[in-house]
PDB file of N, CA and C in Angstrom:
ATOM      1  N   MET A   1       0.849  -1.183   0.000  1.00  0.00           N
ATOM      2  CA  MET A   1       0.000   0.000   0.000  1.00  0.00           C
ATOM      3  C   MET A   1       0.887   1.235   0.000  1.00  0.00           C
ATOM      4  N   ASN A   2       0.337   2.309  -0.537  1.00  0.00           N
ATOM      5  CA  ASN A   2       1.055   3.572  -0.526  1.00  0.00           C
ATOM      6  C   ASN A   2       0.186   4.629   0.153  1.00  0.00           C
ATOM      7  N   LEU A   3       0.677   5.854   0.203  1.00  0.00           N
ATOM      8  CA  LEU A   3      -0.027   6.904   0.939  1.00  0.00           C
ATOM      9  C   LEU A   3      -1.415   7.213   0.395  1.00  0.00           C
ATOM     10  N   SER A   4      -1.650   6.980  -0.887  1.00  0.00           N
ATOM     11  CA  SER A   4      -2.972   7.272  -1.454  1.00  0.00           C
ATOM     12  C   SER A   4      -3.953   6.113  -1.276  1.00  0.00           C
ATOM     13  N   SER A   5      -3.464   4.978  -0.787  1.00  0.00           N
ATOM     14  CA  SER A   5      -4.334   3.811  -0.585  1.00  0.00           C
ATOM     15  C   SER A   5      -5.367   4.063   0.509  1.00  0.00           C
ATOM     16  N   ILE A   6      -6.524   3.454   0.318  1.00  0.00           N
ATOM     17  CA  ILE A   6      -7.577   3.469   1.330  1.00  0.00           C
ATOM     18  C   ILE A   6      -7.764   2.016   1.761  1.00  0.00           C
ATOM     19  N   PRO A   7      -7.164   1.634   2.893  1.00  0.00           N
ATOM     20  CA  PRO A   7      -7.283   0.249   3.330  1.00  0.00           C
ATOM     21  C   PRO A   7      -8.734  -0.142   3.584  1.00  0.00           C
ATOM     22  N   SER A   8      -9.035  -1.379   3.268  1.00  0.00           N
ATOM     23  CA  SER A   8     -10.372  -1.919   3.460  1.00  0.00           C
ATOM     24  C   SER A   8     -10.342  -2.881   4.646  1.00  0.00           C
ATOM     25  N   ILE A   9     -11.334  -2.778   5.497  1.00  0.00           N
ATOM     26  CA  ILE A   9     -11.436  -3.666   6.648  1.00  0.00           C
ATOM     27  C   ILE A   9     -12.424  -4.774   6.292  1.00  0.00           C
ATOM     28  N   PRO A  10     -11.957  -6.018   6.276  1.00  0.00           N
ATOM     29  CA  PRO A  10     -12.869  -7.121   5.940  1.00  0.00           C
ATOM     30  C   PRO A  10     -14.004  -7.225   6.971  1.00  0.00           C
ATOM     31  N   PRO A  11     -15.178  -7.662   6.543  1.00  0.00           N
ATOM     32  CA  PRO A  11     -16.296  -7.792   7.482  1.00  0.00           C
ATOM     33  C   PRO A  11     -16.064  -8.866   8.544  1.00  0.00           C
ATOM     34  N   THR A  12     -15.048  -9.689   8.341  1.00  0.00           N
ATOM     35  CA  THR A  12     -14.730 -10.739   9.308  1.00  0.00           C
ATOM     36  C   THR A  12     -13.784 -10.267  10.408  1.00  0.00           C
ATOM     37  N   VAL A  13     -13.417  -8.979  10.376  1.00  0.00           N
ATOM     38  CA  VAL A  13     -12.553  -8.408  11.416  1.00  0.00           C
ATOM     39  C   VAL A  13     -13.397  -7.489  12.289  1.00  0.00           C
ATOM     40  N   ILE A  14     -13.349  -7.761  13.586  1.00  0.00           N
ATOM     41  CA  ILE A  14     -14.107  -6.944  14.531  1.00  0.00           C
ATOM     42  C   ILE A  14     -13.169  -6.356  15.572  1.00  0.00           C
ATOM     43  N   LEU A  15     -13.615  -5.308  16.205  1.00  0.00           N
ATOM     44  CA  LEU A  15     -12.853  -4.646  17.248  1.00  0.00           C
ATOM     45  C   LEU A  15     -13.582  -4.877  18.564  1.00  0.00           C
ATOM     46  N   ARG A  16     -12.841  -5.229  19.587  1.00  0.00           N
ATOM     47  CA  ARG A  16     -13.412  -5.424  20.918  1.00  0.00           C
ATOM     48  C   ARG A  16     -12.588  -4.644  21.921  1.00  0.00           C
ATOM     49  N   GLU A  17     -13.276  -4.001  22.862  1.00  0.00           N
ATOM     50  CA  GLU A  17     -12.610  -3.304  23.954  1.00  0.00           C
ATOM     51  C   GLU A  17     -13.055  -3.938  25.257  1.00  0.00           C
ATOM     52  N   VAL A  18     -12.081  -4.439  26.012  1.00  0.00           N
ATOM     53  CA  VAL A  18     -12.361  -5.062  27.298  1.00  0.00           C
ATOM     54  C   VAL A  18     -11.369  -4.523  28.320  1.00  0.00           C
ATOM     55  N   ASP A  19     -11.891  -3.947  29.392  1.00  0.00           N
ATOM     56  CA  ASP A  19     -11.038  -3.408  30.462  1.00  0.00           C
ATOM     57  C   ASP A  19      -9.979  -2.448  29.927  1.00  0.00           C
ATOM     58  N   GLY A  20     -10.357  -1.603  28.979  1.00  0.00           N
ATOM     59  CA  GLY A  20      -9.444  -0.601  28.439  1.00  0.00           C
ATOM     60  C   GLY A  20      -8.455  -1.123  27.412  1.00  0.00           C
ATOM     61  N   VAL A  21      -8.551  -2.400  27.049  1.00  0.00           N
ATOM     62  CA  VAL A  21      -7.658  -2.982  26.046  1.00  0.00           C
ATOM     63  C   VAL A  21      -8.442  -3.143  24.743  1.00  0.00           C
ATOM     64  N   THR A  22      -7.897  -2.574  23.669  1.00  0.00           N
ATOM     65  CA  THR A  22      -8.540  -2.648  22.357  1.00  0.00           C
ATOM     66  C   THR A  22      -7.864  -3.747  21.541  1.00  0.00           C
ATOM     67  N   THR A  23      -8.680  -4.682  21.066  1.00  0.00           N
ATOM     68  CA  THR A  23      -8.157  -5.828  20.325  1.00  0.00           C
ATOM     69  C   THR A  23      -8.951  -6.040  19.045  1.00  0.00           C
ATOM     70  N   LEU A  24      -8.230  -6.290  17.959  1.00  0.00           N
ATOM     71  CA  LEU A  24      -8.847  -6.699  16.702  1.00  0.00           C
ATOM     72  C   LEU A  24      -8.924  -8.219  16.708  1.00  0.00           C
ATOM     73  N   VAL A  25     -10.037  -8.733  16.214  1.00  0.00           N
ATOM     74  CA  VAL A  25     -10.213 -10.186  16.132  1.00  0.00           C
ATOM     75  C   VAL A  25     -10.635 -10.542  14.716  1.00  0.00           C
ATOM     76  N   ASN A  26      -9.903 -11.474  14.111  1.00  0.00           N
ATOM     77  CA  ASN A  26     -10.265 -11.983  12.794  1.00  0.00           C
ATOM     78  C   ASN A  26     -11.118 -13.229  13.027  1.00  0.00           C
ATOM     79  N   LEU A  27     -12.382 -13.152  12.668  1.00  0.00           N
ATOM     80  CA  LEU A  27     -13.316 -14.243  12.926  1.00  0.00           C
ATOM     81  C   LEU A  27     -13.059 -15.475  12.062  1.00  0.00           C
ATOM     82  N   VAL A  28     -12.274 -15.332  10.999  1.00  0.00           N
ATOM     83  CA  VAL A  28     -11.980 -16.463  10.123  1.00  0.00           C
ATOM     84  C   VAL A  28     -10.974 -17.413  10.774  1.00  0.00           C
ATOM     85  N   ASP A  29      -9.874 -16.839  11.263  1.00  0.00           N
ATOM     86  CA  ASP A  29      -8.822 -17.699  11.814  1.00  0.00           C
ATOM     87  C   ASP A  29      -8.595 -17.517  13.313  1.00  0.00           C
ATOM     88  N   GLY A  30      -9.349 -16.614  13.935  1.00  0.00           N
ATOM     89  CA  GLY A  30      -9.222 -16.397  15.373  1.00  0.00           C
ATOM     90  C   GLY A  30      -8.030 -15.556  15.775  1.00  0.00           C
ATOM     91  N   ALA A  31      -7.305 -15.022  14.802  1.00  0.00           N
ATOM     92  CA  ALA A  31      -6.139 -14.203  15.108  1.00  0.00           C
ATOM     93  C   ALA A  31      -6.563 -12.930  15.839  1.00  0.00           C
ATOM     94  N   CYS A  32      -5.725 -12.496  16.774  1.00  0.00           N
ATOM     95  CA  CYS A  32      -5.988 -11.273  17.540  1.00  0.00           C
ATOM     96  C   CYS A  32      -4.801 -10.328  17.395  1.00  0.00           C
ATOM     97  N   PHE A  33      -5.080  -9.028  17.503  1.00  0.00           N
ATOM     98  CA  PHE A  33      -4.062  -8.000  17.402  1.00  0.00           C
ATOM     99  C   PHE A  33      -4.445  -6.904  18.374  1.00  0.00           C
ATOM    100  N   THR A  34      -3.624  -6.682  19.394  1.00  0.00           N
ATOM    101  CA  THR A  34      -3.914  -5.664  20.406  1.00  0.00           C
ATOM    102  C   THR A  34      -3.374  -4.323  19.944  1.00  0.00           C
ATOM    103  N   LEU A  35      -4.190  -3.285  20.104  1.00  0.00           N
ATOM    104  CA  LEU A  35      -3.831  -1.939  19.673  1.00  0.00           C
ATOM    105  C   LEU A  35      -3.495  -1.062  20.874  1.00  0.00           C
ATOM    106  N   ASP A  36      -2.465  -0.237  20.724  1.00  0.00           N
ATOM    107  CA  ASP A  36      -2.211   0.781  21.733  1.00  0.00           C
ATOM    108  C   ASP A  36      -3.061   2.001  21.400  1.00  0.00           C
ATOM    109  N   GLU A  37      -2.888   3.083  22.128  1.00  0.00           N
ATOM    110  CA  GLU A  37      -3.719   4.274  21.921  1.00  0.00           C
ATOM    111  C   GLU A  37      -3.631   4.807  20.496  1.00  0.00           C
ATOM    112  N   ILE A  38      -2.428   4.919  19.980  1.00  0.00           N
ATOM    113  CA  ILE A  38      -2.265   5.470  18.630  1.00  0.00           C
ATOM    114  C   ILE A  38      -2.761   4.471  17.588  1.00  0.00           C
ATOM    115  N   GLY A  39      -2.497   3.191  17.789  1.00  0.00           N
ATOM    116  CA  GLY A  39      -3.016   2.169  16.888  1.00  0.00           C
ATOM    117  C   GLY A  39      -4.534   2.202  16.843  1.00  0.00           C
ATOM    118  N   GLY A  40      -5.151   2.422  17.999  1.00  0.00           N
ATOM    119  CA  GLY A  40      -6.609   2.544  18.053  1.00  0.00           C
ATOM    120  C   GLY A  40      -7.100   3.751  17.284  1.00  0.00           C
ATOM    121  N   ARG A  41      -6.365   4.844  17.371  1.00  0.00           N
ATOM    122  CA  ARG A  41      -6.753   6.054  16.632  1.00  0.00           C
ATOM    123  C   ARG A  41      -6.603   5.831  15.128  1.00  0.00           C
ATOM    124  N   VAL A  42      -5.528   5.162  14.717  1.00  0.00           N
ATOM    125  CA  VAL A  42      -5.354   4.835  13.300  1.00  0.00           C
ATOM    126  C   VAL A  42      -6.532   3.989  12.839  1.00  0.00           C
ATOM    127  N   TRP A  43      -6.913   2.999  13.632  1.00  0.00           N
ATOM    128  CA  TRP A  43      -8.027   2.120  13.268  1.00  0.00           C
ATOM    129  C   TRP A  43      -9.314   2.923  13.100  1.00  0.00           C
ATOM    130  N   GLN A  44      -9.576   3.865  14.013  1.00  0.00           N
ATOM    131  CA  GLN A  44     -10.778   4.701  13.897  1.00  0.00           C
ATOM    132  C   GLN A  44     -10.794   5.454  12.578  1.00  0.00           C
ATOM    133  N   LEU A  45      -9.655   6.020  12.214  1.00  0.00           N
ATOM    134  CA  LEU A  45      -9.581   6.775  10.962  1.00  0.00           C
ATOM    135  C   LEU A  45      -9.768   5.864   9.751  1.00  0.00           C
ATOM    136  N   LEU A  46      -9.232   4.660   9.823  1.00  0.00           N
ATOM    137  CA  LEU A  46      -9.430   3.702   8.726  1.00  0.00           C
ATOM    138  C   LEU A  46     -10.895   3.288   8.627  1.00  0.00           C
ATOM    139  N   GLU A  47     -11.531   3.081   9.777  1.00  0.00           N
ATOM    140  CA  GLU A  47     -12.952   2.733   9.774  1.00  0.00           C
ATOM    141  C   GLU A  47     -13.793   3.834   9.129  1.00  0.00           C
ATOM    142  N   ASP A  48     -13.342   5.073   9.283  1.00  0.00           N
ATOM    143  CA  ASP A  48     -14.057   6.211   8.694  1.00  0.00           C
ATOM    144  C   ASP A  48     -13.765   6.364   7.204  1.00  0.00           C
ATOM    145  N   GLY A  49     -12.908   5.480   6.646  1.00  0.00           N
ATOM    146  CA  GLY A  49     -12.634   5.496   5.215  1.00  0.00           C
ATOM    147  C   GLY A  49     -11.538   6.435   4.775  1.00  0.00           C
ATOM    148  N   HIS A  50     -10.688   6.864   5.704  1.00  0.00           N
ATOM    149  CA  HIS A  50      -9.595   7.767   5.350  1.00  0.00           C
ATOM    150  C   HIS A  50      -8.494   7.036   4.581  1.00  0.00           C
ATOM    151  N   ALA A  51      -7.917   7.721   3.614  1.00  0.00           N
ATOM    152  CA  ALA A  51      -6.716   7.224   2.937  1.00  0.00           C
ATOM    153  C   ALA A  51      -5.561   7.289   3.928  1.00  0.00           C
ATOM    154  N   ILE A  52      -4.509   6.547   3.656  1.00  0.00           N
ATOM    155  CA  ILE A  52      -3.357   6.539   4.558  1.00  0.00           C
ATOM    156  C   ILE A  52      -2.786   7.939   4.710  1.00  0.00           C
ATOM    157  N   GLU A  53      -2.695   8.680   3.617  1.00  0.00           N
ATOM    158  CA  GLU A  53      -2.141  10.037   3.677  1.00  0.00           C
ATOM    159  C   GLU A  53      -2.975  10.940   4.587  1.00  0.00           C
ATOM    160  N   ALA A  54      -4.295  10.886   4.468  1.00  0.00           N
ATOM    161  CA  ALA A  54      -5.164  11.709   5.313  1.00  0.00           C
ATOM    162  C   ALA A  54      -5.056  11.281   6.777  1.00  0.00           C
ATOM    163  N   THR A  55      -4.923   9.984   6.998  1.00  0.00           N
ATOM    164  CA  THR A  55      -4.740   9.475   8.353  1.00  0.00           C
ATOM    165  C   THR A  55      -3.461  10.044   8.953  1.00  0.00           C
ATOM    166  N   CYS A  56      -2.398  10.044   8.176  1.00  0.00           N
ATOM    167  CA  CYS A  56      -1.115  10.575   8.649  1.00  0.00           C
ATOM    168  C   CYS A  56      -1.192  12.065   8.957  1.00  0.00           C
ATOM    169  N   ARG A  57      -1.828  12.823   8.093  1.00  0.00           N
ATOM    170  CA  ARG A  57      -1.976  14.269   8.340  1.00  0.00           C
ATOM    171  C   ARG A  57      -2.747  14.521   9.630  1.00  0.00           C
ATOM    172  N   GLN A  58      -3.818  13.760   9.833  1.00  0.00           N
ATOM    173  CA  GLN A  58      -4.631  13.919  11.039  1.00  0.00           C
ATOM    174  C   GLN A  58      -3.810  13.598  12.293  1.00  0.00           C
ATOM    175  N   LEU A  59      -3.071  12.504  12.251  1.00  0.00           N
ATOM    176  CA  LEU A  59      -2.256  12.116  13.402  1.00  0.00           C
ATOM    177  C   LEU A  59      -1.141  13.125  13.667  1.00  0.00           C
ATOM    178  N   ALA A  60      -0.530  13.644  12.612  1.00  0.00           N
ATOM    179  CA  ALA A  60       0.523  14.649  12.784  1.00  0.00           C
ATOM    180  C   ALA A  60      -0.026  15.882  13.482  1.00  0.00           C
ATOM    181  N   THR A  61      -1.252  16.255  13.150  1.00  0.00           N
ATOM    182  CA  THR A  61      -1.895  17.396  13.800  1.00  0.00           C
ATOM    183  C   THR A  61      -2.225  17.076  15.254  1.00  0.00           C
ATOM    184  N   GLU A  62      -2.849  15.927  15.485  1.00  0.00           N
ATOM    185  CA  GLU A  62      -3.279  15.554  16.835  1.00  0.00           C
ATOM    186  C   GLU A  62      -2.110  15.359  17.798  1.00  0.00           C
ATOM    187  N   TYR A  63      -1.015  14.801  17.307  1.00  0.00           N
ATOM    188  CA  TYR A  63       0.115  14.482  18.176  1.00  0.00           C
ATOM    189  C   TYR A  63       1.294  15.437  18.014  1.00  0.00           C
ATOM    190  N   ALA A  64       1.128  16.473  17.195  1.00  0.00           N
ATOM    191  CA  ALA A  64       2.177  17.470  16.959  1.00  0.00           C
ATOM    192  C   ALA A  64       3.524  16.787  16.664  1.00  0.00           C
ATOM    193  N   ALA A  65       3.474  15.855  15.733  1.00  0.00           N
ATOM    194  CA  ALA A  65       4.667  15.088  15.369  1.00  0.00           C
ATOM    195  C   ALA A  65       5.011  15.338  13.902  1.00  0.00           C
ATOM    196  N   PRO A  66       6.276  15.144  13.530  1.00  0.00           N
ATOM    197  CA  PRO A  66       6.694  15.339  12.137  1.00  0.00           C
ATOM    198  C   PRO A  66       5.977  14.362  11.195  1.00  0.00           C
ATOM    199  N   ILE A  67       5.461  14.884  10.105  1.00  0.00           N
ATOM    200  CA  ILE A  67       4.669  14.084   9.171  1.00  0.00           C
ATOM    201  C   ILE A  67       5.473  12.924   8.596  1.00  0.00           C
ATOM    202  N   ASP A  68       6.766  13.120   8.332  1.00  0.00           N
ATOM    203  CA  ASP A  68       7.554  12.030   7.743  1.00  0.00           C
ATOM    204  C   ASP A  68       7.691  10.851   8.707  1.00  0.00           C
ATOM    205  N   GLU A  69       7.825  11.132   9.991  1.00  0.00           N
ATOM    206  CA  GLU A  69       7.893  10.053  10.988  1.00  0.00           C
ATOM    207  C   GLU A  69       6.545   9.340  11.101  1.00  0.00           C
ATOM    208  N   ILE A  70       5.476  10.122  11.111  1.00  0.00           N
ATOM    209  CA  ILE A  70       4.128   9.553  11.188  1.00  0.00           C
ATOM    210  C   ILE A  70       3.884   8.654   9.972  1.00  0.00           C
ATOM    211  N   GLN A  71       4.227   9.141   8.785  1.00  0.00           N
ATOM    212  CA  GLN A  71       4.003   8.356   7.569  1.00  0.00           C
ATOM    213  C   GLN A  71       4.753   7.034   7.619  1.00  0.00           C
ATOM    214  N   ALA A  72       6.001   7.063   8.022  1.00  0.00           N
ATOM    215  CA  ALA A  72       6.792   5.828   8.087  1.00  0.00           C
ATOM    216  C   ALA A  72       6.169   4.843   9.070  1.00  0.00           C
ATOM    217  N   ASP A  73       5.760   5.344  10.230  1.00  0.00           N
ATOM    218  CA  ASP A  73       5.176   4.469  11.248  1.00  0.00           C
ATOM    219  C   ASP A  73       3.823   3.914  10.822  1.00  0.00           C
ATOM    220  N   VAL A  74       2.986   4.763  10.247  1.00  0.00           N
ATOM    221  CA  VAL A  74       1.636   4.338   9.855  1.00  0.00           C
ATOM    222  C   VAL A  74       1.704   3.345   8.689  1.00  0.00           C
ATOM    223  N   VAL A  75       2.540   3.601   7.707  1.00  0.00           N
ATOM    224  CA  VAL A  75       2.679   2.671   6.573  1.00  0.00           C
ATOM    225  C   VAL A  75       3.173   1.316   7.080  1.00  0.00           C
ATOM    226  N   ALA A  76       4.131   1.311   7.994  1.00  0.00           N
ATOM    227  CA  ALA A  76       4.633   0.048   8.554  1.00  0.00           C
ATOM    228  C   ALA A  76       3.537  -0.659   9.349  1.00  0.00           C
ATOM    229  N   PHE A  77       2.786   0.088  10.159  1.00  0.00           N
ATOM    230  CA  PHE A  77       1.709  -0.477  10.968  1.00  0.00           C
ATOM    231  C   PHE A  77       0.622  -1.093  10.085  1.00  0.00           C
ATOM    232  N   ILE A  78       0.196  -0.361   9.063  1.00  0.00           N
ATOM    233  CA  ILE A  78      -0.848  -0.863   8.176  1.00  0.00           C
ATOM    234  C   ILE A  78      -0.330  -2.057   7.365  1.00  0.00           C
ATOM    235  N   GLY A  79       0.937  -2.022   6.989  1.00  0.00           N
ATOM    236  CA  GLY A  79       1.534  -3.165   6.311  1.00  0.00           C
ATOM    237  C   GLY A  79       1.502  -4.410   7.190  1.00  0.00           C
ATOM    238  N   ASP A  80       1.765  -4.231   8.481  1.00  0.00           N
ATOM    239  CA  ASP A  80       1.701  -5.343   9.427  1.00  0.00           C
ATOM    240  C   ASP A  80       0.271  -5.858   9.541  1.00  0.00           C
ATOM    241  N   LEU A  81      -0.696  -4.938   9.635  1.00  0.00           N
ATOM    242  CA  LEU A  81      -2.102  -5.347   9.688  1.00  0.00           C
ATOM    243  C   LEU A  81      -2.493  -6.112   8.420  1.00  0.00           C
ATOM    244  N   GLN A  82      -2.015  -5.658   7.272  1.00  0.00           N
ATOM    245  CA  GLN A  82      -2.325  -6.320   6.012  1.00  0.00           C
ATOM    246  C   GLN A  82      -1.707  -7.714   5.961  1.00  0.00           C
ATOM    247  N   ASP A  83      -0.452  -7.822   6.382  1.00  0.00           N
ATOM    248  CA  ASP A  83       0.217  -9.125   6.384  1.00  0.00           C
ATOM    249  C   ASP A  83      -0.509 -10.132   7.253  1.00  0.00           C
ATOM    250  N   LYS A  84      -1.154  -9.653   8.314  1.00  0.00           N
ATOM    251  CA  LYS A  84      -1.858 -10.532   9.252  1.00  0.00           C
ATOM    252  C   LYS A  84      -3.339 -10.694   8.933  1.00  0.00           C
ATOM    253  N   GLY A  85      -3.796 -10.067   7.828  1.00  0.00           N
ATOM    254  CA  GLY A  85      -5.183 -10.258   7.371  1.00  0.00           C
ATOM    255  C   GLY A  85      -6.222  -9.369   8.015  1.00  0.00           C
ATOM    256  N   PHE A  86      -5.798  -8.308   8.712  1.00  0.00           N
ATOM    257  CA  PHE A  86      -6.756  -7.427   9.363  1.00  0.00           C
ATOM    258  C   PHE A  86      -7.247  -6.293   8.459  1.00  0.00           C
ATOM    259  N   VAL A  87      -6.499  -5.970   7.410  1.00  0.00           N
ATOM    260  CA  VAL A  87      -6.917  -5.012   6.399  1.00  0.00           C
ATOM    261  C   VAL A  87      -6.463  -5.529   5.041  1.00  0.00           C
ATOM    262  N   SER A  88      -7.067  -4.985   3.992  1.00  0.00           N
ATOM    263  CA  SER A  88      -6.636  -5.314   2.640  1.00  0.00           C
ATOM    264  C   SER A  88      -6.615  -4.036   1.808  1.00  0.00           C
ATOM    265  N   ALA A  89      -5.937  -4.092   0.684  1.00  0.00           N
ATOM    266  CA  ALA A  89      -5.909  -2.939  -0.214  1.00  0.00           C
ATOM    267  C   ALA A  89      -7.284  -2.807  -0.860  1.00  0.00           C
ATOM    268  N   ALA A  90      -7.780  -1.586  -0.909  1.00  0.00           N
ATOM    269  CA  ALA A  90      -9.123  -1.351  -1.494  1.00  0.00           C
ATOM    270  C   ALA A  90      -9.069  -1.419  -2.988  1.00  0.00           C
TER     271      ALA A  90
END
C-alpha cells in the first residue's frame, strides 16, 4: 500500500474493547491483534474510510509530530495489519 491507498477492513474483522484494552479479532482464523492508543486512533480513521495520507496528516496534527515520521510508522503499521489479514488494499 502507498499513501494514497484506502485500506479496506474485511467484514470478518471486529474490534473489541475489554477493560481498556482494544483488540482486533479476525473471525476467520481467530487471530488477535492488540492496539495501543495510537493504533486505536489509526483504526478509527481507517474505519471512517480515510486514505493513509489523510490518516497521517490527522495524526501529525493531533500528536504534533513530524509528518515524515508519522508516515513511516503508519505505513509500517498498516503493512503489518495487512500481512496478518486485518486489512486489505481497497
